N, C-alpha and C. Protein backbone atom coordinates (compact mmCIF):
# COMPACT_ATOMS: atom_id res chain seq x y z
N MET A 1 -27.13 -2.33 -0.02
CA MET A 1 -27.93 -3.47 0.24
C MET A 1 -28.45 -3.51 1.67
N SER A 2 -27.63 -3.06 2.59
CA SER A 2 -28.02 -3.15 3.99
C SER A 2 -28.67 -1.86 4.44
N LYS A 3 -29.48 -1.99 5.48
CA LYS A 3 -30.15 -0.83 6.06
C LYS A 3 -29.65 -0.65 7.48
N PRO A 4 -29.40 0.60 7.89
CA PRO A 4 -28.91 0.81 9.25
C PRO A 4 -29.97 0.42 10.28
N ILE A 5 -29.52 -0.06 11.40
CA ILE A 5 -30.42 -0.40 12.49
C ILE A 5 -30.72 0.86 13.28
N ALA A 6 -31.98 1.13 13.50
CA ALA A 6 -32.38 2.36 14.18
C ALA A 6 -32.15 2.28 15.69
N ASN A 7 -32.45 1.15 16.31
CA ASN A 7 -32.36 1.04 17.77
C ASN A 7 -31.15 0.18 18.15
N THR A 8 -30.02 0.80 18.35
CA THR A 8 -28.85 0.08 18.81
C THR A 8 -28.37 0.71 20.11
N ASN A 9 -27.70 -0.07 20.89
CA ASN A 9 -27.17 0.41 22.16
C ASN A 9 -25.73 0.90 22.02
N LEU A 10 -25.21 0.85 20.81
CA LEU A 10 -23.84 1.30 20.59
C LEU A 10 -23.79 2.81 20.52
N PRO A 11 -22.68 3.38 20.95
CA PRO A 11 -22.55 4.84 20.84
C PRO A 11 -22.51 5.26 19.37
N ARG A 12 -23.06 6.40 19.09
CA ARG A 12 -23.05 6.95 17.73
C ARG A 12 -21.70 7.62 17.50
N VAL A 13 -20.84 6.96 16.78
CA VAL A 13 -19.51 7.46 16.51
C VAL A 13 -19.41 7.74 15.02
N ALA A 14 -18.84 8.86 14.67
CA ALA A 14 -18.64 9.20 13.27
C ALA A 14 -17.25 8.72 12.85
N TYR A 15 -17.20 8.03 11.72
CA TYR A 15 -15.94 7.52 11.19
C TYR A 15 -15.55 8.36 9.98
N MET A 16 -14.26 8.53 9.76
CA MET A 16 -13.81 9.28 8.60
C MET A 16 -14.16 8.51 7.32
N ALA A 17 -14.72 9.22 6.36
CA ALA A 17 -15.15 8.60 5.11
C ALA A 17 -13.95 8.20 4.25
N PHE A 18 -14.15 7.17 3.48
CA PHE A 18 -13.14 6.75 2.51
C PHE A 18 -13.81 6.68 1.15
N PRO A 19 -13.28 7.25 0.11
CA PRO A 19 -12.03 8.01 0.11
C PRO A 19 -12.20 9.33 0.87
N PHE A 20 -11.10 9.79 1.42
CA PHE A 20 -11.10 11.03 2.19
C PHE A 20 -11.58 12.18 1.33
N ARG A 21 -12.47 12.99 1.90
CA ARG A 21 -12.96 14.18 1.20
C ARG A 21 -13.40 15.20 2.25
N MET A 22 -13.48 16.42 1.82
CA MET A 22 -13.90 17.50 2.70
C MET A 22 -15.31 17.94 2.33
N ASP A 23 -16.10 18.31 3.35
CA ASP A 23 -17.40 18.94 3.11
C ASP A 23 -17.45 20.21 3.94
N ARG A 24 -18.59 20.84 4.04
CA ARG A 24 -18.68 22.14 4.73
C ARG A 24 -18.23 22.08 6.19
N GLY A 25 -18.46 20.96 6.85
CA GLY A 25 -18.11 20.86 8.26
C GLY A 25 -16.72 20.31 8.53
N GLY A 26 -15.93 20.11 7.50
CA GLY A 26 -14.60 19.53 7.67
C GLY A 26 -14.50 18.21 6.94
N ALA A 27 -13.77 17.28 7.52
CA ALA A 27 -13.63 15.96 6.90
C ALA A 27 -14.97 15.24 6.90
N ALA A 28 -15.31 14.62 5.77
CA ALA A 28 -16.58 13.89 5.65
C ALA A 28 -16.55 12.67 6.56
N THR A 29 -17.68 12.39 7.18
CA THR A 29 -17.79 11.25 8.08
C THR A 29 -18.93 10.33 7.64
N VAL A 30 -18.87 9.08 8.12
CA VAL A 30 -19.90 8.09 7.80
C VAL A 30 -20.27 7.32 9.06
N SER A 31 -21.35 6.56 8.99
CA SER A 31 -21.79 5.72 10.10
C SER A 31 -20.91 4.47 10.19
N ARG A 32 -21.09 3.71 11.24
CA ARG A 32 -20.31 2.48 11.44
C ARG A 32 -20.55 1.48 10.33
N PHE A 33 -21.79 1.31 9.89
CA PHE A 33 -22.11 0.36 8.83
C PHE A 33 -21.42 0.75 7.53
N ASP A 34 -21.47 2.04 7.20
CA ASP A 34 -20.80 2.51 5.99
C ASP A 34 -19.29 2.38 6.11
N HIS A 35 -18.76 2.61 7.31
CA HIS A 35 -17.33 2.48 7.55
C HIS A 35 -16.86 1.04 7.28
N ILE A 36 -17.61 0.07 7.77
CA ILE A 36 -17.25 -1.34 7.55
C ILE A 36 -17.34 -1.68 6.07
N ARG A 37 -18.39 -1.20 5.39
CA ARG A 37 -18.53 -1.44 3.95
C ARG A 37 -17.36 -0.82 3.20
N GLN A 38 -16.95 0.37 3.60
CA GLN A 38 -15.81 1.02 2.95
C GLN A 38 -14.51 0.26 3.21
N GLN A 39 -14.38 -0.35 4.38
CA GLN A 39 -13.21 -1.18 4.66
C GLN A 39 -13.17 -2.37 3.71
N VAL A 40 -14.33 -2.99 3.48
CA VAL A 40 -14.41 -4.11 2.54
C VAL A 40 -13.97 -3.65 1.15
N GLU A 41 -14.44 -2.49 0.71
CA GLU A 41 -14.06 -1.97 -0.60
C GLU A 41 -12.55 -1.68 -0.66
N GLN A 42 -11.98 -1.18 0.43
CA GLN A 42 -10.55 -0.92 0.45
C GLN A 42 -9.76 -2.21 0.27
N VAL A 43 -10.18 -3.26 0.95
CA VAL A 43 -9.50 -4.55 0.83
C VAL A 43 -9.62 -5.06 -0.61
N LEU A 44 -10.82 -4.97 -1.17
CA LEU A 44 -11.04 -5.48 -2.53
C LEU A 44 -10.18 -4.77 -3.57
N PHE A 45 -10.13 -3.46 -3.52
CA PHE A 45 -9.54 -2.69 -4.61
C PHE A 45 -8.13 -2.19 -4.35
N THR A 46 -7.54 -2.51 -3.19
CA THR A 46 -6.15 -2.16 -2.92
C THR A 46 -5.29 -3.37 -3.28
N SER A 47 -4.28 -3.15 -4.07
CA SER A 47 -3.38 -4.24 -4.47
C SER A 47 -2.30 -4.43 -3.41
N PRO A 48 -1.93 -5.69 -3.13
CA PRO A 48 -0.83 -5.91 -2.19
C PRO A 48 0.41 -5.16 -2.68
N GLY A 49 1.09 -4.50 -1.75
CA GLY A 49 2.27 -3.71 -2.09
C GLY A 49 1.95 -2.25 -2.37
N GLU A 50 0.68 -1.91 -2.48
CA GLU A 50 0.28 -0.54 -2.79
C GLU A 50 0.47 0.39 -1.59
N ARG A 51 0.30 -0.12 -0.39
CA ARG A 51 0.48 0.68 0.82
C ARG A 51 1.88 0.45 1.35
N VAL A 52 2.60 1.54 1.54
CA VAL A 52 4.01 1.46 1.91
C VAL A 52 4.22 0.76 3.24
N PHE A 53 3.45 1.11 4.25
CA PHE A 53 3.66 0.56 5.59
C PHE A 53 2.87 -0.71 5.86
N ARG A 54 2.03 -1.11 4.91
CA ARG A 54 1.30 -2.38 5.02
C ARG A 54 1.31 -3.08 3.67
N PRO A 55 2.47 -3.58 3.25
CA PRO A 55 2.59 -4.15 1.91
C PRO A 55 1.74 -5.40 1.69
N GLU A 56 1.35 -6.08 2.75
CA GLU A 56 0.53 -7.29 2.60
C GLU A 56 -0.96 -6.98 2.51
N PHE A 57 -1.36 -5.73 2.75
CA PHE A 57 -2.77 -5.33 2.79
C PHE A 57 -3.38 -5.37 1.39
N GLY A 58 -4.59 -5.87 1.31
CA GLY A 58 -5.36 -5.79 0.08
C GLY A 58 -5.49 -7.10 -0.67
N PHE A 59 -6.43 -7.09 -1.58
CA PHE A 59 -6.73 -8.25 -2.43
C PHE A 59 -6.32 -7.99 -3.88
N GLY A 60 -6.51 -6.78 -4.37
CA GLY A 60 -6.12 -6.44 -5.73
C GLY A 60 -7.07 -6.96 -6.78
N ALA A 61 -8.35 -6.62 -6.67
CA ALA A 61 -9.37 -7.12 -7.61
C ALA A 61 -9.06 -6.70 -9.04
N ARG A 62 -8.45 -5.54 -9.23
CA ARG A 62 -8.16 -5.07 -10.59
C ARG A 62 -7.23 -6.00 -11.35
N ARG A 63 -6.32 -6.65 -10.65
CA ARG A 63 -5.39 -7.54 -11.36
C ARG A 63 -6.07 -8.81 -11.85
N HIS A 64 -7.24 -9.11 -11.33
CA HIS A 64 -7.97 -10.31 -11.75
C HIS A 64 -8.85 -10.07 -12.98
N VAL A 65 -8.97 -8.83 -13.40
CA VAL A 65 -9.86 -8.50 -14.51
C VAL A 65 -9.49 -9.23 -15.79
N PHE A 66 -8.20 -9.34 -16.10
CA PHE A 66 -7.79 -9.96 -17.35
C PHE A 66 -7.29 -11.39 -17.18
N GLU A 67 -7.48 -11.94 -16.00
CA GLU A 67 -7.13 -13.34 -15.77
C GLU A 67 -8.23 -14.24 -16.33
N PRO A 68 -7.91 -15.50 -16.64
CA PRO A 68 -8.95 -16.41 -17.12
C PRO A 68 -10.00 -16.63 -16.04
N ASN A 69 -11.24 -16.63 -16.42
CA ASN A 69 -12.34 -16.82 -15.49
C ASN A 69 -12.55 -18.32 -15.30
N ALA A 70 -11.79 -18.90 -14.39
CA ALA A 70 -11.79 -20.35 -14.21
C ALA A 70 -11.90 -20.70 -12.74
N THR A 71 -12.33 -21.92 -12.47
CA THR A 71 -12.54 -22.39 -11.10
C THR A 71 -11.29 -22.28 -10.25
N SER A 72 -10.12 -22.58 -10.82
CA SER A 72 -8.88 -22.50 -10.03
C SER A 72 -8.62 -21.06 -9.59
N LEU A 73 -8.91 -20.09 -10.44
CA LEU A 73 -8.76 -18.68 -10.06
C LEU A 73 -9.76 -18.31 -8.97
N TRP A 74 -10.97 -18.79 -9.08
CA TRP A 74 -12.00 -18.48 -8.08
C TRP A 74 -11.58 -18.99 -6.71
N GLU A 75 -11.04 -20.21 -6.65
CA GLU A 75 -10.62 -20.78 -5.36
C GLU A 75 -9.47 -19.98 -4.76
N TYR A 76 -8.50 -19.62 -5.60
CA TYR A 76 -7.38 -18.80 -5.13
C TYR A 76 -7.89 -17.46 -4.61
N ALA A 77 -8.73 -16.81 -5.40
CA ALA A 77 -9.26 -15.50 -5.03
C ALA A 77 -10.08 -15.58 -3.75
N GLN A 78 -10.87 -16.61 -3.62
CA GLN A 78 -11.71 -16.80 -2.44
C GLN A 78 -10.85 -16.91 -1.18
N ASN A 79 -9.81 -17.74 -1.22
CA ASN A 79 -8.94 -17.92 -0.06
C ASN A 79 -8.16 -16.66 0.27
N ARG A 80 -7.63 -16.01 -0.75
CA ARG A 80 -6.86 -14.78 -0.54
C ARG A 80 -7.73 -13.66 0.03
N LEU A 81 -8.93 -13.52 -0.53
CA LEU A 81 -9.84 -12.48 -0.08
C LEU A 81 -10.32 -12.74 1.34
N TYR A 82 -10.60 -14.00 1.66
CA TYR A 82 -11.02 -14.33 3.02
C TYR A 82 -9.95 -13.92 4.03
N GLY A 83 -8.70 -14.25 3.76
CA GLY A 83 -7.61 -13.89 4.66
C GLY A 83 -7.45 -12.39 4.82
N ALA A 84 -7.54 -11.68 3.70
CA ALA A 84 -7.39 -10.21 3.74
C ALA A 84 -8.54 -9.57 4.52
N LEU A 85 -9.76 -10.06 4.33
CA LEU A 85 -10.91 -9.49 5.05
C LEU A 85 -10.85 -9.81 6.54
N ALA A 86 -10.47 -11.04 6.88
CA ALA A 86 -10.39 -11.42 8.28
C ALA A 86 -9.42 -10.52 9.03
N GLU A 87 -8.31 -10.18 8.39
CA GLU A 87 -7.33 -9.30 9.03
C GLU A 87 -7.84 -7.86 9.12
N ALA A 88 -8.39 -7.36 8.03
CA ALA A 88 -8.82 -5.96 7.97
C ALA A 88 -10.04 -5.67 8.85
N LEU A 89 -10.92 -6.64 9.01
CA LEU A 89 -12.16 -6.43 9.75
C LEU A 89 -12.10 -6.96 11.18
N ALA A 90 -10.91 -7.31 11.64
CA ALA A 90 -10.75 -7.84 13.00
C ALA A 90 -11.30 -6.84 14.01
N GLY A 91 -12.12 -7.32 14.91
CA GLY A 91 -12.72 -6.46 15.93
C GLY A 91 -14.07 -5.89 15.52
N GLU A 92 -14.31 -5.77 14.23
CA GLU A 92 -15.60 -5.25 13.74
C GLU A 92 -16.60 -6.36 13.46
N VAL A 93 -16.11 -7.44 12.85
CA VAL A 93 -17.00 -8.54 12.50
C VAL A 93 -16.53 -9.82 13.16
N ASP A 94 -17.46 -10.74 13.31
CA ASP A 94 -17.13 -12.05 13.86
C ASP A 94 -16.39 -12.84 12.77
N PRO A 95 -15.10 -13.16 12.95
CA PRO A 95 -14.34 -13.79 11.87
C PRO A 95 -14.89 -15.15 11.45
N LYS A 96 -15.59 -15.82 12.35
CA LYS A 96 -16.16 -17.13 12.00
C LYS A 96 -17.32 -17.00 11.02
N THR A 97 -17.87 -15.80 10.89
CA THR A 97 -19.04 -15.61 10.02
C THR A 97 -18.69 -15.08 8.64
N ILE A 98 -17.42 -14.78 8.40
CA ILE A 98 -17.05 -14.26 7.08
C ILE A 98 -17.16 -15.37 6.06
N GLN A 99 -17.94 -15.12 5.02
CA GLN A 99 -18.08 -16.06 3.91
C GLN A 99 -17.80 -15.31 2.62
N VAL A 100 -16.92 -15.85 1.80
CA VAL A 100 -16.56 -15.25 0.53
C VAL A 100 -16.88 -16.26 -0.57
N THR A 101 -17.62 -15.81 -1.57
CA THR A 101 -17.93 -16.64 -2.72
C THR A 101 -17.47 -15.89 -3.96
N VAL A 102 -16.68 -16.55 -4.77
CA VAL A 102 -16.18 -15.95 -6.01
C VAL A 102 -16.54 -16.90 -7.15
N GLY A 103 -17.08 -16.34 -8.22
CA GLY A 103 -17.43 -17.17 -9.38
C GLY A 103 -18.10 -16.35 -10.45
N ALA A 104 -18.45 -17.03 -11.52
CA ALA A 104 -19.12 -16.38 -12.64
C ALA A 104 -20.58 -16.79 -12.64
N PRO A 105 -21.50 -15.83 -12.82
CA PRO A 105 -22.91 -16.20 -12.95
C PRO A 105 -23.12 -17.03 -14.21
N ALA A 106 -24.08 -17.93 -14.19
CA ALA A 106 -24.34 -18.81 -15.34
C ALA A 106 -24.72 -18.02 -16.58
N ASP A 107 -25.43 -16.91 -16.39
CA ASP A 107 -25.89 -16.13 -17.54
C ASP A 107 -24.85 -15.12 -18.05
N ALA A 108 -23.74 -14.95 -17.32
CA ALA A 108 -22.70 -14.00 -17.74
C ALA A 108 -21.32 -14.56 -17.38
N PRO A 109 -20.82 -15.53 -18.15
CA PRO A 109 -19.54 -16.16 -17.79
C PRO A 109 -18.33 -15.23 -17.90
N GLU A 110 -18.49 -14.06 -18.52
CA GLU A 110 -17.37 -13.13 -18.65
C GLU A 110 -17.22 -12.23 -17.42
N VAL A 111 -18.12 -12.37 -16.44
CA VAL A 111 -18.13 -11.53 -15.24
C VAL A 111 -17.64 -12.34 -14.05
N LEU A 112 -16.83 -11.72 -13.22
CA LEU A 112 -16.41 -12.35 -11.97
C LEU A 112 -17.23 -11.71 -10.85
N MET A 113 -18.04 -12.50 -10.18
CA MET A 113 -18.92 -12.02 -9.12
C MET A 113 -18.30 -12.37 -7.76
N VAL A 114 -18.18 -11.37 -6.91
CA VAL A 114 -17.65 -11.56 -5.56
C VAL A 114 -18.79 -11.28 -4.59
N ARG A 115 -19.09 -12.25 -3.73
CA ARG A 115 -20.15 -12.09 -2.72
C ARG A 115 -19.50 -12.27 -1.36
N ILE A 116 -19.69 -11.26 -0.50
CA ILE A 116 -19.10 -11.26 0.84
C ILE A 116 -20.21 -11.15 1.85
N ARG A 117 -20.20 -12.06 2.82
CA ARG A 117 -21.20 -12.08 3.88
C ARG A 117 -20.47 -12.13 5.22
N TYR A 118 -20.94 -11.35 6.18
CA TYR A 118 -20.35 -11.36 7.51
C TYR A 118 -21.39 -10.87 8.51
N VAL A 119 -21.12 -11.07 9.78
CA VAL A 119 -21.99 -10.61 10.86
C VAL A 119 -21.20 -9.61 11.70
N ILE A 120 -21.77 -8.42 11.88
CA ILE A 120 -21.13 -7.40 12.72
C ILE A 120 -21.19 -7.89 14.16
N ALA A 121 -20.05 -8.02 14.78
CA ALA A 121 -19.92 -8.68 16.07
C ALA A 121 -20.76 -8.05 17.17
N ALA A 122 -20.72 -6.75 17.31
CA ALA A 122 -21.40 -6.09 18.41
C ALA A 122 -22.92 -6.12 18.29
N LEU A 123 -23.43 -6.25 17.08
CA LEU A 123 -24.88 -6.18 16.86
C LEU A 123 -25.52 -7.48 16.42
N GLN A 124 -24.68 -8.44 16.04
CA GLN A 124 -25.18 -9.69 15.45
C GLN A 124 -26.07 -9.40 14.25
N LYS A 125 -25.66 -8.44 13.44
CA LYS A 125 -26.39 -8.07 12.23
C LYS A 125 -25.62 -8.54 11.01
N GLU A 126 -26.30 -9.25 10.12
CA GLU A 126 -25.67 -9.77 8.91
C GLU A 126 -25.64 -8.72 7.81
N GLU A 127 -24.52 -8.66 7.13
CA GLU A 127 -24.35 -7.77 5.98
C GLU A 127 -23.91 -8.62 4.78
N ILE A 128 -24.41 -8.27 3.60
CA ILE A 128 -24.03 -8.98 2.38
C ILE A 128 -23.68 -7.94 1.32
N HIS A 129 -22.56 -8.15 0.64
CA HIS A 129 -22.13 -7.26 -0.44
C HIS A 129 -21.88 -8.11 -1.68
N GLU A 130 -22.39 -7.70 -2.81
CA GLU A 130 -22.12 -8.36 -4.09
C GLU A 130 -21.46 -7.36 -5.02
N ILE A 131 -20.32 -7.74 -5.55
CA ILE A 131 -19.55 -6.84 -6.41
C ILE A 131 -19.17 -7.60 -7.68
N GLU A 132 -19.37 -6.95 -8.82
CA GLU A 132 -18.93 -7.51 -10.10
C GLU A 132 -17.56 -6.94 -10.42
N VAL A 133 -16.62 -7.81 -10.73
CA VAL A 133 -15.26 -7.39 -11.06
C VAL A 133 -15.02 -7.70 -12.52
């Protein structure tokens, strides 16, 4: 959804890609914008307790797939996801700008839609991600 900014004053740093993979030059790398997006995906799809040294990390979107699609679940998911993202993206995004919306679209009540909006702190650039769970 987002487009990289061509003229930034930030140093061009390569970040290790997630999931980890190898290409011809060694470990695959990504830009800062892709790195932040991949961090969001890690939080969404990692279940709490899945990481040995960080048992509190993650949101666990997969466990919500078979839960009832109801307002009470959306509120719980929204609060839990906000906390997990604020911790995982500390230093990269302005925590006051993180907005999480969880709910079902009117035309597809069987789908859980997650919308995440934040502003990258160093650039004041807004990013928006929409994911169907």
